[in-house]
Amino acid sequence: MLGLTQQQLASVVGVRFQQIQKYECGANRISAARLWRIAAALEVPVGYFYDGLAEGPRCDASGEQAEGGEVLARKETLDLVRAYYQLGERPRRRLLDLAKSLHGTAEVS
């Protein structure tokens, strides 16, 4: 929408355009710092890249409402996310399906 090419964005962010392509298609993970730089280059808030981020308060494990980043800042959440991403793709998918089924929101995949 800004009329930037991948090459121009890469130059602003400090990477090669191939890396931008890998980020765009999800082939490579992106660090928080790099995401911040991309958001600044595209003149959008970082939250722009997260579907549903502004949906409002969520409940934590105890059933209490927690605002935005509070749930993500908990040690338990960080430990869970780290462990999740140490798994291979298939075990991650199976764990996600299990978690959804325990919550009652499993989708047919």
PDB file of N, CA and C in Angstrom:
ATOM      1  N   MET A   1       0.815  -1.190   0.000  1.00  0.00           N
ATOM      2  CA  MET A   1       0.000   0.000   0.000  1.00  0.00           C
ATOM      3  C   MET A   1       0.861   1.257   0.000  1.00  0.00           C
ATOM      4  N   LEU A   2       2.064   1.155   0.527  1.00  0.00           N
ATOM      5  CA  LEU A   2       2.970   2.308   0.526  1.00  0.00           C
ATOM      6  C   LEU A   2       3.773   2.408  -0.763  1.00  0.00           C
ATOM      7  N   GLY A   3       3.688   1.390  -1.593  1.00  0.00           N
ATOM      8  CA  GLY A   3       4.433   1.392  -2.837  1.00  0.00           C
ATOM      9  C   GLY A   3       5.880   0.970  -2.671  1.00  0.00           C
ATOM     10  N   LEU A   4       6.214   0.344  -1.555  1.00  0.00           N
ATOM     11  CA  LEU A   4       7.574  -0.133  -1.335  1.00  0.00           C
ATOM     12  C   LEU A   4       7.762  -1.492  -2.000  1.00  0.00           C
ATOM     13  N   THR A   5       8.913  -1.693  -2.606  1.00  0.00           N
ATOM     14  CA  THR A   5       9.259  -3.018  -3.100  1.00  0.00           C
ATOM     15  C   THR A   5       9.860  -3.806  -1.945  1.00  0.00           C
ATOM     16  N   GLN A   6       9.977  -5.109  -2.118  1.00  0.00           N
ATOM     17  CA  GLN A   6      10.630  -5.924  -1.092  1.00  0.00           C
ATOM     18  C   GLN A   6      12.079  -5.473  -0.912  1.00  0.00           C
ATOM     19  N   GLN A   7      12.717  -5.095  -1.994  1.00  0.00           N
ATOM     20  CA  GLN A   7      14.106  -4.617  -1.927  1.00  0.00           C
ATOM     21  C   GLN A   7      14.198  -3.345  -1.078  1.00  0.00           C
ATOM     22  N   GLN A   8      13.275  -2.416  -1.287  1.00  0.00           N
ATOM     23  CA  GLN A   8      13.288  -1.171  -0.522  1.00  0.00           C
ATOM     24  C   GLN A   8      13.020  -1.440   0.959  1.00  0.00           C
ATOM     25  N   LEU A   9      12.048  -2.293   1.240  1.00  0.00           N
ATOM     26  CA  LEU A   9      11.757  -2.635   2.635  1.00  0.00           C
ATOM     27  C   LEU A   9      12.955  -3.300   3.280  1.00  0.00           C
ATOM     28  N   ALA A  10      13.587  -4.222   2.555  1.00  0.00           N
ATOM     29  CA  ALA A  10      14.766  -4.912   3.079  1.00  0.00           C
ATOM     30  C   ALA A  10      15.871  -3.926   3.407  1.00  0.00           C
ATOM     31  N   SER A  11      16.062  -2.953   2.541  1.00  0.00           N
ATOM     32  CA  SER A  11      17.098  -1.948   2.755  1.00  0.00           C
ATOM     33  C   SER A  11      16.829  -1.144   4.022  1.00  0.00           C
ATOM     34  N   VAL A  12      15.573  -0.752   4.232  1.00  0.00           N
ATOM     35  CA  VAL A  12      15.209   0.020   5.422  1.00  0.00           C
ATOM     36  C   VAL A  12      15.389  -0.818   6.688  1.00  0.00           C
ATOM     37  N   VAL A  13      15.031  -2.101   6.602  1.00  0.00           N
ATOM     38  CA  VAL A  13      15.077  -2.981   7.772  1.00  0.00           C
ATOM     39  C   VAL A  13      16.490  -3.495   8.043  1.00  0.00           C
ATOM     40  N   GLY A  14      17.326  -3.528   7.008  1.00  0.00           N
ATOM     41  CA  GLY A  14      18.712  -3.971   7.190  1.00  0.00           C
ATOM     42  C   GLY A  14      18.924  -5.444   6.913  1.00  0.00           C
ATOM     43  N   VAL A  15      18.130  -6.014   5.995  1.00  0.00           N
ATOM     44  CA  VAL A  15      18.295  -7.407   5.596  1.00  0.00           C
ATOM     45  C   VAL A  15      18.264  -7.468   4.068  1.00  0.00           C
ATOM     46  N   ARG A  16      18.487  -8.645   3.517  1.00  0.00           N
ATOM     47  CA  ARG A  16      18.386  -8.827   2.069  1.00  0.00           C
ATOM     48  C   ARG A  16      16.931  -9.095   1.703  1.00  0.00           C
ATOM     49  N   PHE A  17      16.575  -8.804   0.465  1.00  0.00           N
ATOM     50  CA  PHE A  17      15.177  -8.955   0.072  1.00  0.00           C
ATOM     51  C   PHE A  17      14.706 -10.407   0.159  1.00  0.00           C
ATOM     52  N   GLN A  18      15.636 -11.369   0.009  1.00  0.00           N
ATOM     53  CA  GLN A  18      15.261 -12.774   0.135  1.00  0.00           C
ATOM     54  C   GLN A  18      14.734 -13.069   1.542  1.00  0.00           C
ATOM     55  N   GLN A  19      15.325 -12.390   2.533  1.00  0.00           N
ATOM     56  CA  GLN A  19      14.879 -12.581   3.911  1.00  0.00           C
ATOM     57  C   GLN A  19      13.464 -12.032   4.085  1.00  0.00           C
ATOM     58  N   ILE A  20      13.167 -10.907   3.474  1.00  0.00           N
ATOM     59  CA  ILE A  20      11.808 -10.352   3.519  1.00  0.00           C
ATOM     60  C   ILE A  20      10.835 -11.346   2.896  1.00  0.00           C
ATOM     61  N   GLN A  21      11.228 -11.969   1.794  1.00  0.00           N
ATOM     62  CA  GLN A  21      10.367 -12.969   1.153  1.00  0.00           C
ATOM     63  C   GLN A  21      10.106 -14.137   2.099  1.00  0.00           C
ATOM     64  N   LYS A  22      11.123 -14.575   2.802  1.00  0.00           N
ATOM     65  CA  LYS A  22      10.966 -15.698   3.736  1.00  0.00           C
ATOM     66  C   LYS A  22      10.067 -15.321   4.899  1.00  0.00           C
ATOM     67  N   TYR A  23      10.182 -14.087   5.388  1.00  0.00           N
ATOM     68  CA  TYR A  23       9.281 -13.625   6.452  1.00  0.00           C
ATOM     69  C   TYR A  23       7.843 -13.597   5.940  1.00  0.00           C
ATOM     70  N   GLU A  24       7.674 -13.077   4.728  1.00  0.00           N
ATOM     71  CA  GLU A  24       6.344 -12.896   4.174  1.00  0.00           C
ATOM     72  C   GLU A  24       5.610 -14.223   3.995  1.00  0.00           C
ATOM     73  N   CYS A  25       6.317 -15.246   3.569  1.00  0.00           N
ATOM     74  CA  CYS A  25       5.655 -16.531   3.343  1.00  0.00           C
ATOM     75  C   CYS A  25       5.693 -17.418   4.584  1.00  0.00           C
ATOM     76  N   GLY A  26       6.331 -16.967   5.649  1.00  0.00           N
ATOM     77  CA  GLY A  26       6.355 -17.730   6.890  1.00  0.00           C
ATOM     78  C   GLY A  26       7.425 -18.803   6.936  1.00  0.00           C
ATOM     79  N   ALA A  27       8.380 -18.772   6.012  1.00  0.00           N
ATOM     80  CA  ALA A  27       9.442 -19.775   5.987  1.00  0.00           C
ATOM     81  C   ALA A  27      10.434 -19.558   7.132  1.00  0.00           C
ATOM     82  N   ASN A  28      10.621 -18.327   7.557  1.00  0.00           N
ATOM     83  CA  ASN A  28      11.539 -18.002   8.653  1.00  0.00           C
ATOM     84  C   ASN A  28      10.797 -17.274   9.760  1.00  0.00           C
ATOM     85  N   ARG A  29      11.222 -17.522  10.978  1.00  0.00           N
ATOM     86  CA  ARG A  29      10.678 -16.775  12.116  1.00  0.00           C
ATOM     87  C   ARG A  29      11.250 -15.372  12.092  1.00  0.00           C
ATOM     88  N   ILE A  30      10.549 -14.485  12.796  1.00  0.00           N
ATOM     89  CA  ILE A  30      10.992 -13.098  12.832  1.00  0.00           C
ATOM     90  C   ILE A  30      11.120 -12.667  14.285  1.00  0.00           C
ATOM     91  N   SER A  31      12.212 -12.021  14.606  1.00  0.00           N
ATOM     92  CA  SER A  31      12.418 -11.568  15.983  1.00  0.00           C
ATOM     93  C   SER A  31      11.524 -10.365  16.278  1.00  0.00           C
ATOM     94  N   ALA A  32      11.312 -10.116  17.544  1.00  0.00           N
ATOM     95  CA  ALA A  32      10.496  -8.969  17.943  1.00  0.00           C
ATOM     96  C   ALA A  32      11.128  -7.658  17.481  1.00  0.00           C
ATOM     97  N   ALA A  33      12.447  -7.575  17.586  1.00  0.00           N
ATOM     98  CA  ALA A  33      13.140  -6.356  17.167  1.00  0.00           C
ATOM     99  C   ALA A  33      12.989  -6.125  15.666  1.00  0.00           C
ATOM    100  N   ARG A  34      13.107  -7.191  14.887  1.00  0.00           N
ATOM    101  CA  ARG A  34      12.976  -7.055  13.444  1.00  0.00           C
ATOM    102  C   ARG A  34      11.534  -6.722  13.080  1.00  0.00           C
ATOM    103  N   LEU A  35      10.560  -7.320  13.780  1.00  0.00           N
ATOM    104  CA  LEU A  35       9.155  -7.014  13.529  1.00  0.00           C
ATOM    105  C   LEU A  35       8.876  -5.546  13.824  1.00  0.00           C
ATOM    106  N   TRP A  36       9.495  -5.029  14.882  1.00  0.00           N
ATOM    107  CA  TRP A  36       9.333  -3.618  15.236  1.00  0.00           C
ATOM    108  C   TRP A  36       9.873  -2.730  14.119  1.00  0.00           C
ATOM    109  N   ARG A  37      11.044  -3.098  13.565  1.00  0.00           N
ATOM    110  CA  ARG A  37      11.621  -2.317  12.468  1.00  0.00           C
ATOM    111  C   ARG A  37      10.727  -2.343  11.227  1.00  0.00           C
ATOM    112  N   ILE A  38      10.183  -3.510  10.925  1.00  0.00           N
ATOM    113  CA  ILE A  38       9.303  -3.632   9.759  1.00  0.00           C
ATOM    114  C   ILE A  38       8.047  -2.800   9.963  1.00  0.00           C
ATOM    115  N   ALA A  39       7.477  -2.864  11.171  1.00  0.00           N
ATOM    116  CA  ALA A  39       6.279  -2.074  11.468  1.00  0.00           C
ATOM    117  C   ALA A  39       6.578  -0.585  11.305  1.00  0.00           C
ATOM    118  N   ALA A  40       7.724  -0.149  11.791  1.00  0.00           N
ATOM    119  CA  ALA A  40       8.097   1.262  11.652  1.00  0.00           C
ATOM    120  C   ALA A  40       8.256   1.638  10.183  1.00  0.00           C
ATOM    121  N   ALA A  41       8.893   0.760   9.402  1.00  0.00           N
ATOM    122  CA  ALA A  41       9.098   1.041   7.978  1.00  0.00           C
ATOM    123  C   ALA A  41       7.773   1.107   7.228  1.00  0.00           C
ATOM    124  N   LEU A  42       6.817   0.271   7.644  1.00  0.00           N
ATOM    125  CA  LEU A  42       5.510   0.245   6.985  1.00  0.00           C
ATOM    126  C   LEU A  42       4.516   1.222   7.601  1.00  0.00           C
ATOM    127  N   GLU A  43       4.985   1.941   8.637  1.00  0.00           N
ATOM    128  CA  GLU A  43       4.162   2.949   9.312  1.00  0.00           C
ATOM    129  C   GLU A  43       2.870   2.365   9.882  1.00  0.00           C
ATOM    130  N   VAL A  44       2.997   1.198  10.532  1.00  0.00           N
ATOM    131  CA  VAL A  44       1.863   0.558  11.201  1.00  0.00           C
ATOM    132  C   VAL A  44       2.293   0.172  12.609  1.00  0.00           C
ATOM    133  N   PRO A  45       1.356   0.031  13.545  1.00  0.00           N
ATOM    134  CA  PRO A  45       1.729  -0.463  14.868  1.00  0.00           C
ATOM    135  C   PRO A  45       2.086  -1.950  14.791  1.00  0.00           C
ATOM    136  N   VAL A  46       2.910  -2.430  15.691  1.00  0.00           N
ATOM    137  CA  VAL A  46       3.304  -3.838  15.698  1.00  0.00           C
ATOM    138  C   VAL A  46       2.069  -4.735  15.782  1.00  0.00           C
ATOM    139  N   GLY A  47       1.057  -4.314  16.508  1.00  0.00           N
ATOM    140  CA  GLY A  47      -0.172  -5.087  16.647  1.00  0.00           C
ATOM    141  C   GLY A  47      -0.877  -5.358  15.329  1.00  0.00           C
ATOM    142  N   TYR A  48      -0.552  -4.601  14.295  1.00  0.00           N
ATOM    143  CA  TYR A  48      -1.128  -4.797  12.972  1.00  0.00           C
ATOM    144  C   TYR A  48      -0.903  -6.221  12.471  1.00  0.00           C
ATOM    145  N   PHE A  49       0.214  -6.824  12.876  1.00  0.00           N
ATOM    146  CA  PHE A  49       0.593  -8.148  12.390  1.00  0.00           C
ATOM    147  C   PHE A  49      -0.049  -9.291  13.170  1.00  0.00           C
ATOM    148  N   TYR A  50      -0.820  -8.982  14.193  1.00  0.00           N
ATOM    149  CA  TYR A  50      -1.424 -10.008  15.031  1.00  0.00           C
ATOM    150  C   TYR A  50      -2.934  -9.985  14.907  1.00  0.00           C
ATOM    151  N   ASP A  51      -3.493 -11.026  14.291  1.00  0.00           N
ATOM    152  CA  ASP A  51      -4.944 -11.131  14.174  1.00  0.00           C
ATOM    153  C   ASP A  51      -5.567 -11.218  15.555  1.00  0.00           C
ATOM    154  N   GLY A  52      -6.603 -10.434  15.792  1.00  0.00           N
ATOM    155  CA  GLY A  52      -7.353 -10.529  17.035  1.00  0.00           C
ATOM    156  C   GLY A  52      -6.697  -9.898  18.241  1.00  0.00           C
ATOM    157  N   LEU A  53      -5.613  -9.191  18.078  1.00  0.00           N
ATOM    158  CA  LEU A  53      -4.916  -8.608  19.223  1.00  0.00           C
ATOM    159  C   LEU A  53      -5.792  -7.621  19.979  1.00  0.00           C
ATOM    160  N   ALA A  54      -6.619  -6.887  19.267  1.00  0.00           N
ATOM    161  CA  ALA A  54      -7.434  -5.857  19.908  1.00  0.00           C
ATOM    162  C   ALA A  54      -8.851  -6.334  20.211  1.00  0.00           C
ATOM    163  N   GLU A  55      -9.031  -7.633  20.408  1.00  0.00           N
ATOM    164  CA  GLU A  55     -10.367  -8.160  20.660  1.00  0.00           C
ATOM    165  C   GLU A  55     -10.870  -7.883  22.072  1.00  0.00           C
ATOM    166  N   GLY A  56     -10.038  -7.382  22.940  1.00  0.00           N
ATOM    167  CA  GLY A  56     -10.479  -7.075  24.289  1.00  0.00           C
ATOM    168  C   GLY A  56      -9.874  -8.010  25.313  1.00  0.00           C
ATOM    169  N   PRO A  57     -10.351  -7.914  26.565  1.00  0.00           N
ATOM    170  CA  PRO A  57      -9.769  -8.706  27.645  1.00  0.00           C
ATOM    171  C   PRO A  57      -9.994 -10.198  27.457  1.00  0.00           C
ATOM    172  N   ARG A  58      -9.018 -10.965  27.911  1.00  0.00           N
ATOM    173  CA  ARG A  58      -9.109 -12.420  27.886  1.00  0.00           C
ATOM    174  C   ARG A  58      -9.044 -12.938  29.318  1.00  0.00           C
ATOM    175  N   CYS A  59      -9.375 -14.194  29.491  1.00  0.00           N
ATOM    176  CA  CYS A  59      -9.304 -14.805  30.814  1.00  0.00           C
ATOM    177  C   CYS A  59      -8.013 -15.582  30.942  1.00  0.00           C
ATOM    178  N   ASP A  60      -7.409 -15.519  32.132  1.00  0.00           N
ATOM    179  CA  ASP A  60      -6.206 -16.306  32.361  1.00  0.00           C
ATOM    180  C   ASP A  60      -6.603 -17.694  32.868  1.00  0.00           C
ATOM    181  N   ALA A  61      -5.625 -18.498  33.269  1.00  0.00           N
ATOM    182  CA  ALA A  61      -5.890 -19.878  33.676  1.00  0.00           C
ATOM    183  C   ALA A  61      -6.824 -19.962  34.882  1.00  0.00           C
ATOM    184  N   SER A  62      -6.839 -18.934  35.706  1.00  0.00           N
ATOM    185  CA  SER A  62      -7.712 -18.970  36.889  1.00  0.00           C
ATOM    186  C   SER A  62      -9.113 -18.463  36.578  1.00  0.00           C
ATOM    187  N   GLY A  63      -9.342 -18.050  35.328  1.00  0.00           N
ATOM    188  CA  GLY A  63     -10.653 -17.556  34.945  1.00  0.00           C
ATOM    189  C   GLY A  63     -10.821 -16.065  35.141  1.00  0.00           C
ATOM    190  N   GLU A  64      -9.764 -15.403  35.624  1.00  0.00           N
ATOM    191  CA  GLU A  64      -9.838 -13.961  35.830  1.00  0.00           C
ATOM    192  C   GLU A  64      -9.460 -13.243  34.542  1.00  0.00           C
ATOM    193  N   GLN A  65     -10.070 -12.075  34.340  1.00  0.00           N
ATOM    194  CA  GLN A  65      -9.735 -11.308  33.148  1.00  0.00           C
ATOM    195  C   GLN A  65      -8.330 -10.748  33.267  1.00  0.00           C
ATOM    196  N   ALA A  66      -7.622 -10.813  32.167  1.00  0.00           N
ATOM    197  CA  ALA A  66      -6.277 -10.251  32.107  1.00  0.00           C
ATOM    198  C   ALA A  66      -6.204  -9.361  30.879  1.00  0.00           C
ATOM    199  N   GLU A  67      -5.639  -8.213  31.019  1.00  0.00           N
ATOM    200  CA  GLU A  67      -5.542  -7.270  29.913  1.00  0.00           C
ATOM    201  C   GLU A  67      -4.358  -7.606  29.027  1.00  0.00           C
ATOM    202  N   GLY A  68      -4.569  -7.527  27.721  1.00  0.00           N
ATOM    203  CA  GLY A  68      -3.551  -7.664  26.687  1.00  0.00           C
ATOM    204  C   GLY A  68      -2.328  -8.480  27.025  1.00  0.00           C
ATOM    205  N   GLY A  69      -1.197  -7.805  27.237  1.00  0.00           N
ATOM    206  CA  GLY A  69       0.077  -8.463  27.419  1.00  0.00           C
ATOM    207  C   GLY A  69       0.285  -9.142  28.750  1.00  0.00           C
ATOM    208  N   GLU A  70      -0.614  -8.969  29.701  1.00  0.00           N
ATOM    209  CA  GLU A  70      -0.424  -9.585  31.008  1.00  0.00           C
ATOM    210  C   GLU A  70      -0.331 -11.101  30.905  1.00  0.00           C
ATOM    211  N   VAL A  71      -1.199 -11.710  30.125  1.00  0.00           N
ATOM    212  CA  VAL A  71      -1.177 -13.162  29.972  1.00  0.00           C
ATOM    213  C   VAL A  71       0.122 -13.585  29.303  1.00  0.00           C
ATOM    214  N   LEU A  72       0.552 -12.846  28.284  1.00  0.00           N
ATOM    215  CA  LEU A  72       1.767 -13.192  27.568  1.00  0.00           C
ATOM    216  C   LEU A  72       3.021 -12.962  28.397  1.00  0.00           C
ATOM    217  N   ALA A  73       2.949 -12.116  29.396  1.00  0.00           N
ATOM    218  CA  ALA A  73       4.116 -11.810  30.217  1.00  0.00           C
ATOM    219  C   ALA A  73       4.328 -12.822  31.333  1.00  0.00           C
ATOM    220  N   ARG A  74       3.378 -13.709  31.556  1.00  0.00           N
ATOM    221  CA  ARG A  74       3.513 -14.695  32.636  1.00  0.00           C
ATOM    222  C   ARG A  74       4.580 -15.724  32.290  1.00  0.00           C
ATOM    223  N   LYS A  75       5.333 -16.142  33.299  1.00  0.00           N
ATOM    224  CA  LYS A  75       6.387 -17.128  33.108  1.00  0.00           C
ATOM    225  C   LYS A  75       5.828 -18.427  32.548  1.00  0.00           C
ATOM    226  N   GLU A  76       4.681 -18.854  33.048  1.00  0.00           N
ATOM    227  CA  GLU A  76       4.065 -20.094  32.582  1.00  0.00           C
ATOM    228  C   GLU A  76       3.781 -20.024  31.076  1.00  0.00           C
ATOM    229  N   THR A  77       3.296 -18.901  30.602  1.00  0.00           N
ATOM    230  CA  THR A  77       2.995 -18.739  29.179  1.00  0.00           C
ATOM    231  C   THR A  77       4.273 -18.808  28.359  1.00  0.00           C
ATOM    232  N   LEU A  78       5.306 -18.119  28.814  1.00  0.00           N
ATOM    233  CA  LEU A  78       6.578 -18.126  28.087  1.00  0.00           C
ATOM    234  C   LEU A  78       7.187 -19.522  28.051  1.00  0.00           C
ATOM    235  N   ASP A  79       7.126 -20.248  29.178  1.00  0.00           N
ATOM    236  CA  ASP A  79       7.638 -21.616  29.218  1.00  0.00           C
ATOM    237  C   ASP A  79       6.883 -22.510  28.243  1.00  0.00           C
ATOM    238  N   LEU A  80       5.569 -22.359  28.212  1.00  0.00           N
ATOM    239  CA  LEU A  80       4.746 -23.164  27.313  1.00  0.00           C
ATOM    240  C   LEU A  80       5.069 -22.874  25.849  1.00  0.00           C
ATOM    241  N   VAL A  81       5.197 -21.603  25.509  1.00  0.00           N
ATOM    242  CA  VAL A  81       5.502 -21.226  24.128  1.00  0.00           C
ATOM    243  C   VAL A  81       6.884 -21.738  23.726  1.00  0.00           C
ATOM    244  N   ARG A  82       7.866 -21.606  24.599  1.00  0.00           N
ATOM    245  CA  ARG A  82       9.210 -22.100  24.287  1.00  0.00           C
ATOM    246  C   ARG A  82       9.201 -23.613  24.057  1.00  0.00           C
ATOM    247  N   ALA A  83       8.535 -24.338  24.933  1.00  0.00           N
ATOM    248  CA  ALA A  83       8.457 -25.794  24.794  1.00  0.00           C
ATOM    249  C   ALA A  83       7.732 -26.178  23.508  1.00  0.00           C
ATOM    250  N   TYR A  84       6.669 -25.455  23.192  1.00  0.00           N
ATOM    251  CA  TYR A  84       5.878 -25.718  21.989  1.00  0.00           C
ATOM    252  C   TYR A  84       6.744 -25.603  20.736  1.00  0.00           C
ATOM    253  N   TYR A  85       7.540 -24.545  20.644  1.00  0.00           N
ATOM    254  CA  TYR A  85       8.338 -24.322  19.446  1.00  0.00           C
ATOM    255  C   TYR A  85       9.588 -25.184  19.392  1.00  0.00           C
ATOM    256  N   GLN A  86       9.897 -25.914  20.447  1.00  0.00           N
ATOM    257  CA  GLN A  86      10.994 -26.873  20.396  1.00  0.00           C
ATOM    258  C   GLN A  86      10.547 -28.189  19.767  1.00  0.00           C
ATOM    259  N   LEU A  87       9.230 -28.374  19.651  1.00  0.00           N
ATOM    260  CA  LEU A  87       8.688 -29.578  19.027  1.00  0.00           C
ATOM    261  C   LEU A  87       8.758 -29.449  17.503  1.00  0.00           C
ATOM    262  N   GLY A  88       8.724 -30.597  16.838  1.00  0.00           N
ATOM    263  CA  GLY A  88       8.634 -30.602  15.382  1.00  0.00           C
ATOM    264  C   GLY A  88       7.242 -30.167  14.947  1.00  0.00           C
ATOM    265  N   GLU A  89       7.067 -29.985  13.634  1.00  0.00           N
ATOM    266  CA  GLU A  89       5.788 -29.478  13.127  1.00  0.00           C
ATOM    267  C   GLU A  89       4.623 -30.418  13.446  1.00  0.00           C
ATOM    268  N   ARG A  90       4.797 -31.704  13.219  1.00  0.00           N
ATOM    269  CA  ARG A  90       3.695 -32.649  13.457  1.00  0.00           C
ATOM    270  C   ARG A  90       3.318 -32.725  14.944  1.00  0.00           C
ATOM    271  N   PRO A  91       4.281 -32.873  15.867  1.00  0.00           N
ATOM    272  CA  PRO A  91       3.895 -32.872  17.285  1.00  0.00           C
ATOM    273  C   PRO A  91       3.234 -31.563  17.721  1.00  0.00           C
ATOM    274  N   ARG A  92       3.681 -30.425  17.136  1.00  0.00           N
ATOM    275  CA  ARG A  92       3.035 -29.149  17.469  1.00  0.00           C
ATOM    276  C   ARG A  92       1.576 -29.167  17.050  1.00  0.00           C
ATOM    277  N   ARG A  93       1.299 -29.651  15.852  1.00  0.00           N
ATOM    278  CA  ARG A  93      -0.074 -29.711  15.349  1.00  0.00           C
ATOM    279  C   ARG A  93      -0.914 -30.616  16.254  1.00  0.00           C
ATOM    280  N   ARG A  94      -0.351 -31.746  16.653  1.00  0.00           N
ATOM    281  CA  ARG A  94      -1.089 -32.679  17.514  1.00  0.00           C
ATOM    282  C   ARG A  94      -1.355 -32.064  18.883  1.00  0.00           C
ATOM    283  N   LEU A  95      -0.365 -31.350  19.430  1.00  0.00           N
ATOM    284  CA  LEU A  95      -0.550 -30.691  20.722  1.00  0.00           C
ATOM    285  C   LEU A  95      -1.605 -29.597  20.626  1.00  0.00           C
ATOM    286  N   LEU A  96      -1.576 -28.837  19.552  1.00  0.00           N
ATOM    287  CA  LEU A  96      -2.583 -27.795  19.356  1.00  0.00           C
ATOM    288  C   LEU A  96      -3.977 -28.400  19.247  1.00  0.00           C
ATOM    289  N   ASP A  97      -4.105 -29.487  18.480  1.00  0.00           N
ATOM    290  CA  ASP A  97      -5.398 -30.165  18.369  1.00  0.00           C
ATOM    291  C   ASP A  97      -5.869 -30.676  19.731  1.00  0.00           C
ATOM    292  N   LEU A  98      -4.950 -31.223  20.522  1.00  0.00           N
ATOM    293  CA  LEU A  98      -5.295 -31.703  21.861  1.00  0.00           C
ATOM    294  C   LEU A  98      -5.783 -30.554  22.735  1.00  0.00           C
ATOM    295  N   ALA A  99      -5.053 -29.434  22.725  1.00  0.00           N
ATOM    296  CA  ALA A  99      -5.455 -28.298  23.540  1.00  0.00           C
ATOM    297  C   ALA A  99      -6.820 -27.790  23.131  1.00  0.00           C
ATOM    298  N   LYS A 100      -7.083 -27.711  21.830  1.00  0.00           N
ATOM    299  CA  LYS A 100      -8.394 -27.268  21.363  1.00  0.00           C
ATOM    300  C   LYS A 100      -9.487 -28.231  21.784  1.00  0.00           C
ATOM    301  N   SER A 101      -9.204 -29.535  21.720  1.00  0.00           N
ATOM    302  CA  SER A 101     -10.228 -30.505  22.098  1.00  0.00           C
ATOM    303  C   SER A 101     -10.512 -30.437  23.596  1.00  0.00           C
ATOM    304  N   LEU A 102      -9.496 -30.185  24.402  1.00  0.00           N
ATOM    305  CA  LEU A 102      -9.700 -30.051  25.847  1.00  0.00           C
ATOM    306  C   LEU A 102     -10.531 -28.822  26.176  1.00  0.00           C
ATOM    307  N   HIS A 103     -10.398 -27.800  25.338  1.00  0.00           N
ATOM    308  CA  HIS A 103     -11.160 -26.564  25.550  1.00  0.00           C
ATOM    309  C   HIS A 103     -12.533 -26.663  24.909  1.00  0.00           C
ATOM    310  N   GLY A 104     -12.696 -27.640  23.996  1.00  0.00           N
ATOM    311  CA  GLY A 104     -13.977 -27.806  23.324  1.00  0.00           C
ATOM    312  C   GLY A 104     -14.110 -27.008  22.053  1.00  0.00           C
ATOM    313  N   THR A 105     -12.972 -26.574  21.487  1.00  0.00           N
ATOM    314  CA  THR A 105     -13.029 -25.761  20.272  1.00  0.00           C
ATOM    315  C   THR A 105     -12.298 -26.429  19.119  1.00  0.00           C
ATOM    316  N   ALA A 106     -12.157 -27.738  19.139  1.00  0.00           N
ATOM    317  CA  ALA A 106     -11.401 -28.426  18.086  1.00  0.00           C
ATOM    318  C   ALA A 106     -12.081 -28.237  16.746  1.00  0.00           C
ATOM    319  N   GLU A 107     -11.256 -27.961  15.746  1.00  0.00           N
ATOM    320  CA  GLU A 107     -11.736 -27.841  14.378  1.00  0.00           C
ATOM    321  C   GLU A 107     -11.341 -29.098  13.630  1.00  0.00           C
ATOM    322  N   VAL A 108     -12.117 -29.470  12.650  1.00  0.00           N
ATOM    323  CA  VAL A 108     -11.786 -30.619  11.833  1.00  0.00           C
ATOM    324  C   VAL A 108     -10.652 -30.217  10.924  1.00  0.00           C
ATOM    325  N   SER A 109      -9.526 -30.975  10.959  1.00  0.00           N
ATOM    326  CA  SER A 109      -8.390 -30.609  10.110  1.00  0.00           C
ATOM    327  C   SER A 109      -8.096 -31.697   9.114  1.00  0.00           C
TER     328      SER A 109
END
